[in-house]
C-alpha cells in the first residue's frame, strides 16, 4: 500500500500540477519510475491500493522496461483476462473524424508510440501482493487502457509494426 506521503489527490493531470508531488517523492523513492509516481501515486492511488494492497514502495520497484508492440498485444490483459480492445471503436471514431483533441490519440498517431508508458505487473507477482484472482495473465494492465487498446488497433491497421519497441513500467520485487 502506498504511504500517505506517496498518495496524491487522485486527480487527472490538468486539474492540479504533479511536478511538486513528483519532486517531493522522487528522491525518497528512487526505485519508482517518475511516470509511475505521476500516473499511479498522484492520479490513481486509491484504485492502486485496492488492487495491490501489499505493494511496498520501499521493497518493490516500478521499473521502465522495453518490449515489442507484439509482446504487449500477446501478453498484457485486463480484468477477467480480457484483451484490451475495448477502446478500438473510440480510436476508429477519432481517426475517421479527422480531428481529435484527445492528446493520447494525437500523440500515438503522430509518433506511433504512447506519450507515457502503461503500468503492468506479472500475474503471479500481482497475486502475491493481494490482487484479486481475476487479474489478467500473463501480465495485468494496471494503468493505460486507452494506450494499450490504441496500440493494438494501430497494429491491426498496420500503422505500427509488431516489432516496434515500446516502453512499459513493470512492477517487480
N, C-alpha and C. Protein backbone atom coordinates (compact mmCIF):
# COMPACT_ATOMS: atom_id res chain seq x y z
N UNK A 1 0.85 -1.17 0.00
CA UNK A 1 0.00 0.00 0.00
C UNK A 1 0.90 1.24 0.00
N UNK A 2 0.46 2.24 -0.71
CA UNK A 2 1.23 3.46 -0.78
C UNK A 2 1.14 4.23 0.54
N UNK A 3 2.27 4.71 1.06
CA UNK A 3 2.21 5.51 2.28
C UNK A 3 1.57 6.87 2.01
N UNK A 4 1.18 7.55 3.06
CA UNK A 4 0.46 8.82 2.93
C UNK A 4 1.21 9.84 2.08
N UNK A 5 2.53 9.94 2.26
CA UNK A 5 3.27 10.96 1.50
C UNK A 5 3.36 10.62 0.02
N UNK A 6 3.08 9.37 -0.33
CA UNK A 6 3.13 8.94 -1.72
C UNK A 6 1.73 8.77 -2.30
N UNK A 7 0.75 9.31 -1.62
CA UNK A 7 -0.64 9.24 -2.07
C UNK A 7 -1.09 10.64 -2.48
N UNK A 8 -1.27 10.80 -3.78
CA UNK A 8 -1.66 12.09 -4.33
C UNK A 8 -3.15 12.33 -4.21
N UNK A 9 -3.60 13.40 -4.84
CA UNK A 9 -5.00 13.80 -4.72
C UNK A 9 -5.98 12.94 -5.50
N UNK A 10 -5.47 12.02 -6.33
CA UNK A 10 -6.37 11.19 -7.12
C UNK A 10 -7.06 11.96 -8.21
N UNK A 11 -6.36 12.93 -8.78
CA UNK A 11 -6.92 13.74 -9.86
C UNK A 11 -6.10 13.56 -11.12
N UNK A 12 -6.76 13.75 -12.22
CA UNK A 12 -6.08 13.67 -13.50
C UNK A 12 -5.16 14.87 -13.68
N UNK A 13 -4.06 14.66 -14.41
CA UNK A 13 -3.20 15.78 -14.74
C UNK A 13 -4.04 16.80 -15.50
N UNK A 14 -3.81 18.04 -15.23
CA UNK A 14 -4.60 19.10 -15.84
C UNK A 14 -5.43 19.83 -14.80
N UNK A 15 -5.82 19.11 -13.75
CA UNK A 15 -6.56 19.74 -12.66
C UNK A 15 -5.61 20.31 -11.62
N UNK A 16 -4.48 19.67 -11.46
CA UNK A 16 -3.51 20.08 -10.46
C UNK A 16 -2.14 19.67 -10.96
N UNK A 17 -1.13 20.46 -10.68
CA UNK A 17 0.20 20.17 -11.19
C UNK A 17 0.88 19.07 -10.39
N UNK A 18 1.40 18.03 -11.06
CA UNK A 18 2.06 16.94 -10.35
C UNK A 18 3.55 17.19 -10.09
N UNK A 19 4.12 18.28 -10.61
CA UNK A 19 5.57 18.48 -10.51
C UNK A 19 6.06 18.53 -9.07
N UNK A 20 5.38 19.28 -8.21
CA UNK A 20 5.81 19.38 -6.81
C UNK A 20 5.69 18.02 -6.12
N UNK A 21 4.62 17.30 -6.44
CA UNK A 21 4.43 15.96 -5.87
C UNK A 21 5.56 15.04 -6.28
N UNK A 22 5.91 15.06 -7.56
CA UNK A 22 7.00 14.23 -8.06
C UNK A 22 8.31 14.64 -7.40
N UNK A 23 8.58 15.92 -7.33
CA UNK A 23 9.81 16.42 -6.74
C UNK A 23 9.93 16.00 -5.27
N UNK A 24 8.83 16.04 -4.55
CA UNK A 24 8.84 15.69 -3.13
C UNK A 24 9.08 14.20 -2.90
N UNK A 25 8.76 13.37 -3.87
CA UNK A 25 8.83 11.93 -3.66
C UNK A 25 9.92 11.22 -4.45
N UNK A 26 10.45 11.84 -5.48
CA UNK A 26 11.40 11.16 -6.37
C UNK A 26 12.66 10.71 -5.63
N UNK A 27 13.25 11.55 -4.79
CA UNK A 27 14.49 11.16 -4.11
C UNK A 27 14.24 10.14 -3.01
N UNK A 28 13.09 10.21 -2.36
CA UNK A 28 12.77 9.26 -1.30
C UNK A 28 12.46 7.86 -1.85
N UNK A 29 12.00 7.80 -3.10
CA UNK A 29 11.62 6.53 -3.72
C UNK A 29 12.32 6.38 -5.07
N UNK A 30 13.64 6.23 -5.06
CA UNK A 30 14.38 6.17 -6.32
C UNK A 30 14.09 4.91 -7.15
N UNK A 31 13.49 3.91 -6.54
CA UNK A 31 13.15 2.68 -7.24
C UNK A 31 11.80 2.76 -7.97
N UNK A 32 11.17 3.92 -7.90
CA UNK A 32 9.89 4.12 -8.59
C UNK A 32 10.10 5.07 -9.77
N UNK A 33 9.80 4.60 -10.96
CA UNK A 33 9.90 5.42 -12.16
C UNK A 33 9.06 6.69 -11.98
N UNK A 34 9.56 7.84 -12.43
CA UNK A 34 8.78 9.08 -12.30
C UNK A 34 7.38 9.00 -12.90
N UNK A 35 7.22 8.30 -14.02
CA UNK A 35 5.89 8.18 -14.61
C UNK A 35 4.96 7.33 -13.74
N UNK A 36 5.50 6.39 -12.98
CA UNK A 36 4.70 5.63 -12.01
C UNK A 36 4.22 6.56 -10.90
N UNK A 37 5.13 7.38 -10.41
CA UNK A 37 4.76 8.31 -9.33
C UNK A 37 3.63 9.24 -9.79
N UNK A 38 3.70 9.71 -11.02
CA UNK A 38 2.65 10.61 -11.52
C UNK A 38 1.36 9.84 -11.82
N UNK A 39 1.45 8.77 -12.62
CA UNK A 39 0.24 8.06 -13.04
C UNK A 39 -0.47 7.35 -11.91
N UNK A 40 0.28 6.68 -11.07
CA UNK A 40 -0.33 5.85 -10.03
C UNK A 40 -0.46 6.62 -8.71
N UNK A 41 0.65 7.09 -8.19
CA UNK A 41 0.64 7.71 -6.87
C UNK A 41 -0.12 9.04 -6.85
N UNK A 42 0.06 9.85 -7.87
CA UNK A 42 -0.60 11.16 -7.92
C UNK A 42 -2.04 11.04 -8.41
N UNK A 43 -2.25 10.30 -9.51
CA UNK A 43 -3.57 10.28 -10.16
C UNK A 43 -4.52 9.21 -9.65
N UNK A 44 -4.01 7.99 -9.36
CA UNK A 44 -4.90 6.87 -9.06
C UNK A 44 -4.48 6.07 -7.83
N UNK A 45 -4.14 6.72 -6.72
CA UNK A 45 -3.63 5.97 -5.57
C UNK A 45 -4.65 5.03 -4.93
N UNK A 46 -5.90 5.42 -4.84
CA UNK A 46 -6.89 4.58 -4.17
C UNK A 46 -7.17 3.31 -4.96
N UNK A 47 -7.29 3.45 -6.27
CA UNK A 47 -7.52 2.28 -7.11
C UNK A 47 -6.33 1.33 -7.03
N UNK A 48 -5.10 1.89 -7.05
CA UNK A 48 -3.90 1.07 -6.95
C UNK A 48 -3.85 0.34 -5.62
N UNK A 49 -4.10 1.03 -4.51
CA UNK A 49 -4.07 0.39 -3.20
C UNK A 49 -5.11 -0.71 -3.08
N UNK A 50 -6.26 -0.52 -3.69
CA UNK A 50 -7.30 -1.55 -3.65
C UNK A 50 -6.87 -2.78 -4.47
N UNK A 51 -6.16 -2.55 -5.58
CA UNK A 51 -5.72 -3.66 -6.43
C UNK A 51 -4.55 -4.42 -5.81
N UNK A 52 -3.58 -3.69 -5.28
CA UNK A 52 -2.34 -4.32 -4.77
C UNK A 52 -2.07 -3.84 -3.35
N UNK A 53 -2.85 -4.30 -2.38
CA UNK A 53 -2.73 -3.78 -1.01
C UNK A 53 -1.40 -4.09 -0.33
N UNK A 54 -0.65 -5.06 -0.82
CA UNK A 54 0.61 -5.41 -0.17
C UNK A 54 1.84 -4.86 -0.91
N UNK A 55 1.61 -3.97 -1.87
CA UNK A 55 2.73 -3.33 -2.55
C UNK A 55 3.46 -2.44 -1.55
N UNK A 56 4.78 -2.55 -1.52
CA UNK A 56 5.61 -1.76 -0.61
C UNK A 56 6.60 -0.96 -1.45
N UNK A 57 6.47 0.36 -1.50
CA UNK A 57 7.35 1.15 -2.37
C UNK A 57 8.81 1.17 -1.92
N UNK A 58 9.10 0.65 -0.75
CA UNK A 58 10.49 0.52 -0.31
C UNK A 58 11.08 -0.81 -0.81
N UNK A 59 10.33 -1.89 -0.69
CA UNK A 59 10.82 -3.22 -1.08
C UNK A 59 10.64 -3.53 -2.56
N UNK A 60 9.63 -2.95 -3.18
CA UNK A 60 9.31 -3.25 -4.57
C UNK A 60 9.73 -2.09 -5.47
N UNK A 61 9.74 -2.33 -6.77
CA UNK A 61 10.16 -1.31 -7.72
C UNK A 61 9.15 -1.19 -8.86
N UNK A 62 9.16 -0.02 -9.46
CA UNK A 62 8.41 0.24 -10.69
C UNK A 62 9.45 0.66 -11.71
N UNK A 63 9.84 -0.29 -12.56
CA UNK A 63 10.96 -0.09 -13.49
C UNK A 63 10.47 0.09 -14.92
N UNK A 64 11.15 0.95 -15.66
CA UNK A 64 10.88 1.11 -17.08
C UNK A 64 11.56 -0.04 -17.82
N UNK A 65 10.78 -0.74 -18.63
CA UNK A 65 11.30 -1.85 -19.44
C UNK A 65 10.91 -1.60 -20.90
N UNK A 66 11.58 -2.29 -21.78
CA UNK A 66 11.28 -2.16 -23.22
C UNK A 66 10.85 -3.52 -23.75
N UNK A 67 9.77 -3.51 -24.49
CA UNK A 67 9.22 -4.71 -25.11
C UNK A 67 8.79 -4.33 -26.52
N UNK A 68 8.45 -5.33 -27.31
CA UNK A 68 7.91 -5.03 -28.63
C UNK A 68 6.40 -4.80 -28.50
N UNK A 69 5.86 -4.10 -29.48
CA UNK A 69 4.42 -3.89 -29.51
C UNK A 69 3.69 -5.23 -29.59
N UNK A 70 4.26 -6.18 -30.33
CA UNK A 70 3.68 -7.51 -30.41
C UNK A 70 3.64 -8.21 -29.07
N UNK A 71 4.70 -8.05 -28.28
CA UNK A 71 4.74 -8.63 -26.94
C UNK A 71 3.60 -8.07 -26.10
N UNK A 72 3.38 -6.75 -26.19
CA UNK A 72 2.29 -6.13 -25.44
C UNK A 72 0.97 -6.76 -25.86
N UNK A 73 0.74 -6.88 -27.15
CA UNK A 73 -0.52 -7.48 -27.64
C UNK A 73 -0.71 -8.91 -27.16
N UNK A 74 0.37 -9.66 -27.14
CA UNK A 74 0.29 -11.08 -26.81
C UNK A 74 0.24 -11.37 -25.31
N UNK A 75 0.70 -10.45 -24.48
CA UNK A 75 0.90 -10.76 -23.06
C UNK A 75 0.15 -9.90 -22.06
N UNK A 76 -0.29 -8.73 -22.44
CA UNK A 76 -0.92 -7.82 -21.48
C UNK A 76 -2.44 -7.92 -21.59
N UNK A 77 -3.06 -8.21 -20.46
CA UNK A 77 -4.51 -8.37 -20.39
C UNK A 77 -5.06 -7.51 -19.26
N UNK A 78 -6.39 -7.47 -19.19
CA UNK A 78 -7.05 -6.68 -18.17
C UNK A 78 -7.87 -7.61 -17.28
N UNK A 79 -8.75 -7.06 -16.48
CA UNK A 79 -9.58 -7.86 -15.58
C UNK A 79 -10.28 -8.97 -16.35
N UNK A 80 -10.44 -10.11 -15.70
CA UNK A 80 -11.06 -11.29 -16.30
C UNK A 80 -10.31 -11.75 -17.55
N UNK A 81 -9.02 -11.43 -17.59
CA UNK A 81 -8.13 -11.82 -18.70
C UNK A 81 -8.60 -11.27 -20.04
N UNK A 82 -9.27 -10.15 -20.01
CA UNK A 82 -9.84 -9.54 -21.22
C UNK A 82 -8.74 -8.91 -22.09
N UNK A 83 -8.83 -9.19 -23.41
CA UNK A 83 -7.98 -8.48 -24.35
C UNK A 83 -8.31 -7.00 -24.27
N UNK A 84 -7.32 -6.18 -24.51
CA UNK A 84 -7.53 -4.74 -24.40
C UNK A 84 -7.91 -4.15 -25.76
N UNK A 85 -9.13 -4.44 -26.17
CA UNK A 85 -9.65 -3.92 -27.43
C UNK A 85 -10.83 -2.99 -27.22
N UNK A 86 -11.20 -2.74 -25.96
CA UNK A 86 -12.45 -2.03 -25.72
C UNK A 86 -12.41 -0.55 -26.06
N UNK A 87 -11.23 0.01 -26.40
CA UNK A 87 -11.17 1.39 -26.88
C UNK A 87 -10.91 1.46 -28.39
N UNK A 88 -10.97 0.34 -29.08
CA UNK A 88 -10.72 0.32 -30.53
C UNK A 88 -11.74 1.17 -31.29
N UNK A 89 -13.00 1.10 -30.92
CA UNK A 89 -14.02 1.90 -31.62
C UNK A 89 -13.82 3.39 -31.37
N UNK A 90 -13.36 3.73 -30.18
CA UNK A 90 -13.05 5.14 -29.90
C UNK A 90 -11.91 5.60 -30.80
N UNK A 91 -10.89 4.75 -30.95
CA UNK A 91 -9.79 5.07 -31.85
C UNK A 91 -10.31 5.26 -33.27
N UNK A 92 -11.16 4.33 -33.73
CA UNK A 92 -11.71 4.42 -35.09
C UNK A 92 -12.51 5.71 -35.29
N UNK A 93 -13.32 6.08 -34.31
CA UNK A 93 -14.14 7.29 -34.47
C UNK A 93 -13.27 8.54 -34.46
N UNK A 94 -12.23 8.55 -33.63
CA UNK A 94 -11.31 9.69 -33.63
C UNK A 94 -10.60 9.80 -34.99
N UNK A 95 -10.19 8.66 -35.50
CA UNK A 95 -9.46 8.63 -36.77
C UNK A 95 -10.36 9.04 -37.94
N UNK A 96 -11.58 8.54 -37.97
CA UNK A 96 -12.47 8.84 -39.10
C UNK A 96 -12.96 10.28 -39.07
N UNK A 97 -12.99 10.89 -37.90
CA UNK A 97 -13.46 12.28 -37.82
C UNK A 97 -12.44 13.26 -38.40
N UNK A 98 -11.18 12.84 -38.46
CA UNK A 98 -10.15 13.72 -39.00
C UNK A 98 -9.68 14.79 -38.03
N UNK A 99 -10.25 14.79 -36.85
CA UNK A 99 -9.81 15.77 -35.85
C UNK A 99 -10.00 15.14 -34.46
N UNK A 100 -9.10 15.49 -33.59
CA UNK A 100 -9.19 14.98 -32.24
C UNK A 100 -8.48 15.92 -31.30
N UNK A 101 -9.08 16.14 -30.16
CA UNK A 101 -8.42 16.94 -29.13
C UNK A 101 -7.90 16.04 -28.01
N UNK A 102 -8.07 14.73 -28.19
CA UNK A 102 -7.62 13.79 -27.16
C UNK A 102 -6.12 13.57 -27.34
N UNK A 103 -5.33 14.06 -26.39
CA UNK A 103 -3.88 14.10 -26.56
C UNK A 103 -3.23 12.73 -26.72
N UNK A 104 -3.77 11.71 -26.10
CA UNK A 104 -3.17 10.38 -26.25
C UNK A 104 -3.35 9.90 -27.69
N UNK A 105 -4.53 10.08 -28.24
CA UNK A 105 -4.76 9.70 -29.63
C UNK A 105 -3.84 10.46 -30.57
N UNK A 106 -3.80 11.77 -30.46
CA UNK A 106 -2.99 12.56 -31.40
C UNK A 106 -1.51 12.23 -31.27
N UNK A 107 -1.03 12.02 -30.07
CA UNK A 107 0.38 11.66 -29.88
C UNK A 107 0.67 10.30 -30.51
N UNK A 108 -0.20 9.33 -30.24
CA UNK A 108 0.07 7.99 -30.74
C UNK A 108 0.00 7.91 -32.26
N UNK A 109 -0.92 8.61 -32.87
CA UNK A 109 -1.00 8.61 -34.33
C UNK A 109 0.22 9.31 -34.93
N UNK A 110 0.65 10.39 -34.30
CA UNK A 110 1.80 11.14 -34.82
C UNK A 110 3.13 10.42 -34.61
N UNK A 111 3.28 9.72 -33.48
CA UNK A 111 4.56 9.13 -33.11
C UNK A 111 4.60 7.60 -33.15
N UNK A 112 3.45 6.96 -33.26
CA UNK A 112 3.41 5.50 -33.26
C UNK A 112 3.77 4.90 -31.91
N UNK A 113 3.64 5.69 -30.87
CA UNK A 113 4.01 5.26 -29.52
C UNK A 113 3.20 6.09 -28.53
N UNK A 114 3.14 5.65 -27.30
CA UNK A 114 2.38 6.40 -26.30
C UNK A 114 3.20 7.52 -25.71
N UNK A 115 2.51 8.55 -25.18
CA UNK A 115 3.24 9.69 -24.61
C UNK A 115 3.90 9.36 -23.27
N UNK A 116 3.40 8.36 -22.57
CA UNK A 116 3.99 7.89 -21.31
C UNK A 116 3.59 6.43 -21.17
N UNK A 117 4.45 5.62 -20.55
CA UNK A 117 4.24 4.18 -20.58
C UNK A 117 3.13 3.66 -19.68
N UNK A 118 2.39 2.68 -20.16
CA UNK A 118 1.42 1.98 -19.31
C UNK A 118 2.14 1.24 -18.18
N UNK A 119 1.39 0.86 -17.16
CA UNK A 119 1.93 0.17 -15.99
C UNK A 119 1.38 -1.25 -15.95
N UNK A 120 2.29 -2.24 -15.83
CA UNK A 120 1.90 -3.65 -15.83
C UNK A 120 2.54 -4.38 -14.65
N UNK A 121 2.00 -5.56 -14.37
CA UNK A 121 2.57 -6.44 -13.36
C UNK A 121 2.39 -7.88 -13.83
N UNK A 122 3.41 -8.70 -13.60
CA UNK A 122 3.31 -10.13 -13.91
C UNK A 122 2.27 -10.72 -12.96
N UNK A 123 1.44 -11.59 -13.45
CA UNK A 123 0.28 -12.08 -12.71
C UNK A 123 0.63 -12.70 -11.37
N UNK A 124 1.59 -13.61 -11.34
CA UNK A 124 1.93 -14.28 -10.07
C UNK A 124 2.40 -13.26 -9.02
N UNK A 125 3.17 -12.27 -9.45
CA UNK A 125 3.61 -11.24 -8.51
C UNK A 125 2.42 -10.42 -8.03
N UNK A 126 1.52 -10.08 -8.94
CA UNK A 126 0.32 -9.34 -8.54
C UNK A 126 -0.50 -10.10 -7.51
N UNK A 127 -0.67 -11.39 -7.74
CA UNK A 127 -1.43 -12.21 -6.79
C UNK A 127 -0.74 -12.25 -5.44
N UNK A 128 0.59 -12.29 -5.44
CA UNK A 128 1.32 -12.31 -4.17
C UNK A 128 1.18 -11.00 -3.40
N UNK A 129 0.80 -9.94 -4.10
CA UNK A 129 0.59 -8.63 -3.46
C UNK A 129 -0.87 -8.38 -3.11
N UNK A 130 -1.69 -9.42 -3.23
CA UNK A 130 -3.09 -9.30 -2.82
C UNK A 130 -4.07 -8.96 -3.92
N UNK A 131 -3.64 -9.02 -5.17
CA UNK A 131 -4.56 -8.75 -6.28
C UNK A 131 -5.66 -9.81 -6.32
N UNK A 132 -6.83 -9.45 -6.83
CA UNK A 132 -7.90 -10.45 -6.96
C UNK A 132 -7.55 -11.51 -8.00
N UNK A 133 -8.19 -12.65 -7.89
CA UNK A 133 -7.91 -13.78 -8.78
C UNK A 133 -8.21 -13.52 -10.24
N UNK A 134 -9.01 -12.51 -10.55
CA UNK A 134 -9.43 -12.29 -11.93
C UNK A 134 -8.52 -11.35 -12.72
N UNK A 135 -7.31 -11.08 -12.22
CA UNK A 135 -6.43 -10.18 -12.99
C UNK A 135 -5.96 -10.88 -14.26
N UNK A 136 -5.53 -10.07 -15.21
CA UNK A 136 -5.08 -10.58 -16.49
C UNK A 136 -3.80 -11.41 -16.37
N UNK A 137 -3.63 -12.29 -17.34
CA UNK A 137 -2.46 -13.15 -17.35
C UNK A 137 -1.93 -13.29 -18.77
N UNK A 138 -0.65 -13.34 -19.00
CA UNK A 138 0.44 -13.46 -18.03
C UNK A 138 0.84 -12.13 -17.39
N UNK A 139 0.42 -11.00 -17.95
CA UNK A 139 0.66 -9.69 -17.35
C UNK A 139 -0.66 -8.96 -17.25
N UNK A 140 -0.83 -8.25 -16.13
CA UNK A 140 -2.05 -7.48 -15.91
C UNK A 140 -1.74 -6.00 -16.11
N UNK A 141 -2.63 -5.32 -16.84
CA UNK A 141 -2.51 -3.89 -17.04
C UNK A 141 -3.11 -3.16 -15.85
N UNK A 142 -2.28 -2.37 -15.18
CA UNK A 142 -2.74 -1.59 -14.03
C UNK A 142 -3.27 -0.24 -14.50
N UNK A 143 -2.56 0.39 -15.42
CA UNK A 143 -2.94 1.71 -15.90
C UNK A 143 -2.55 1.83 -17.38
N UNK A 144 -3.49 2.32 -18.20
CA UNK A 144 -3.17 2.55 -19.61
C UNK A 144 -4.11 1.86 -20.58
N UNK A 145 -5.39 1.74 -20.25
CA UNK A 145 -6.31 1.01 -21.14
C UNK A 145 -6.43 1.67 -22.50
N UNK A 146 -6.53 3.01 -22.55
CA UNK A 146 -6.61 3.69 -23.85
C UNK A 146 -5.34 3.41 -24.66
N UNK A 147 -4.19 3.58 -24.03
CA UNK A 147 -2.92 3.44 -24.75
C UNK A 147 -2.74 2.04 -25.32
N UNK A 148 -2.99 1.03 -24.51
CA UNK A 148 -2.80 -0.34 -25.00
C UNK A 148 -3.85 -0.69 -26.04
N UNK A 149 -5.09 -0.30 -25.82
CA UNK A 149 -6.14 -0.54 -26.83
C UNK A 149 -5.79 0.14 -28.15
N UNK A 150 -5.34 1.38 -28.08
CA UNK A 150 -4.96 2.10 -29.29
C UNK A 150 -3.80 1.42 -30.00
N UNK A 151 -2.79 0.99 -29.24
CA UNK A 151 -1.65 0.30 -29.85
C UNK A 151 -2.12 -0.97 -30.57
N UNK A 152 -2.96 -1.73 -29.93
CA UNK A 152 -3.47 -2.96 -30.57
C UNK A 152 -4.20 -2.62 -31.88
N UNK A 153 -5.00 -1.57 -31.86
CA UNK A 153 -5.74 -1.18 -33.06
C UNK A 153 -4.79 -0.68 -34.14
N UNK A 154 -3.77 0.06 -33.75
CA UNK A 154 -2.79 0.56 -34.72
C UNK A 154 -2.02 -0.59 -35.37
N UNK A 155 -1.77 -1.65 -34.62
CA UNK A 155 -1.12 -2.83 -35.20
C UNK A 155 -2.07 -3.49 -36.20
N UNK A 156 -3.34 -3.63 -35.83
CA UNK A 156 -4.32 -4.23 -36.73
C UNK A 156 -4.42 -3.45 -38.04
N UNK A 157 -4.32 -2.13 -37.95
CA UNK A 157 -4.41 -1.27 -39.13
C UNK A 157 -3.07 -1.10 -39.84
N UNK A 158 -2.05 -1.77 -39.34
CA UNK A 158 -0.69 -1.70 -39.89
C UNK A 158 -0.10 -0.29 -39.84
N UNK A 159 -0.52 0.46 -38.84
CA UNK A 159 0.05 1.79 -38.59
C UNK A 159 1.32 1.67 -37.75
N UNK A 160 1.45 0.54 -37.05
CA UNK A 160 2.61 0.25 -36.20
C UNK A 160 2.97 -1.21 -36.42
N UNK A 161 4.25 -1.49 -36.47
CA UNK A 161 4.74 -2.86 -36.61
C UNK A 161 4.75 -3.56 -35.26
N UNK A 162 4.51 -4.86 -35.28
CA UNK A 162 4.60 -5.66 -34.05
C UNK A 162 6.02 -5.63 -33.48
N UNK A 163 7.02 -5.33 -34.32
CA UNK A 163 8.41 -5.30 -33.89
C UNK A 163 8.82 -3.98 -33.24
N UNK A 164 7.95 -2.98 -33.28
CA UNK A 164 8.29 -1.67 -32.71
C UNK A 164 8.56 -1.80 -31.21
N UNK A 165 9.64 -1.19 -30.77
CA UNK A 165 9.98 -1.17 -29.34
C UNK A 165 9.15 -0.10 -28.63
N UNK A 166 8.57 -0.48 -27.49
CA UNK A 166 7.81 0.45 -26.66
C UNK A 166 8.26 0.30 -25.21
N UNK A 167 8.03 1.34 -24.44
CA UNK A 167 8.35 1.32 -23.01
C UNK A 167 7.11 0.98 -22.20
N UNK A 168 7.35 0.25 -21.13
CA UNK A 168 6.32 -0.04 -20.14
C UNK A 168 6.92 0.22 -18.77
N UNK A 169 6.09 0.39 -17.78
CA UNK A 169 6.55 0.39 -16.40
C UNK A 169 6.06 -0.92 -15.81
N UNK A 170 7.01 -1.72 -15.33
CA UNK A 170 6.68 -3.02 -14.74
C UNK A 170 6.98 -3.00 -13.25
N UNK A 171 6.02 -3.47 -12.46
CA UNK A 171 6.24 -3.61 -11.03
C UNK A 171 6.99 -4.92 -10.80
N UNK A 172 8.06 -4.85 -10.01
CA UNK A 172 8.91 -6.01 -9.74
C UNK A 172 9.31 -6.03 -8.27
N UNK A 173 9.82 -7.19 -7.84
CA UNK A 173 10.32 -7.30 -6.45
C UNK A 173 11.64 -6.62 -6.30
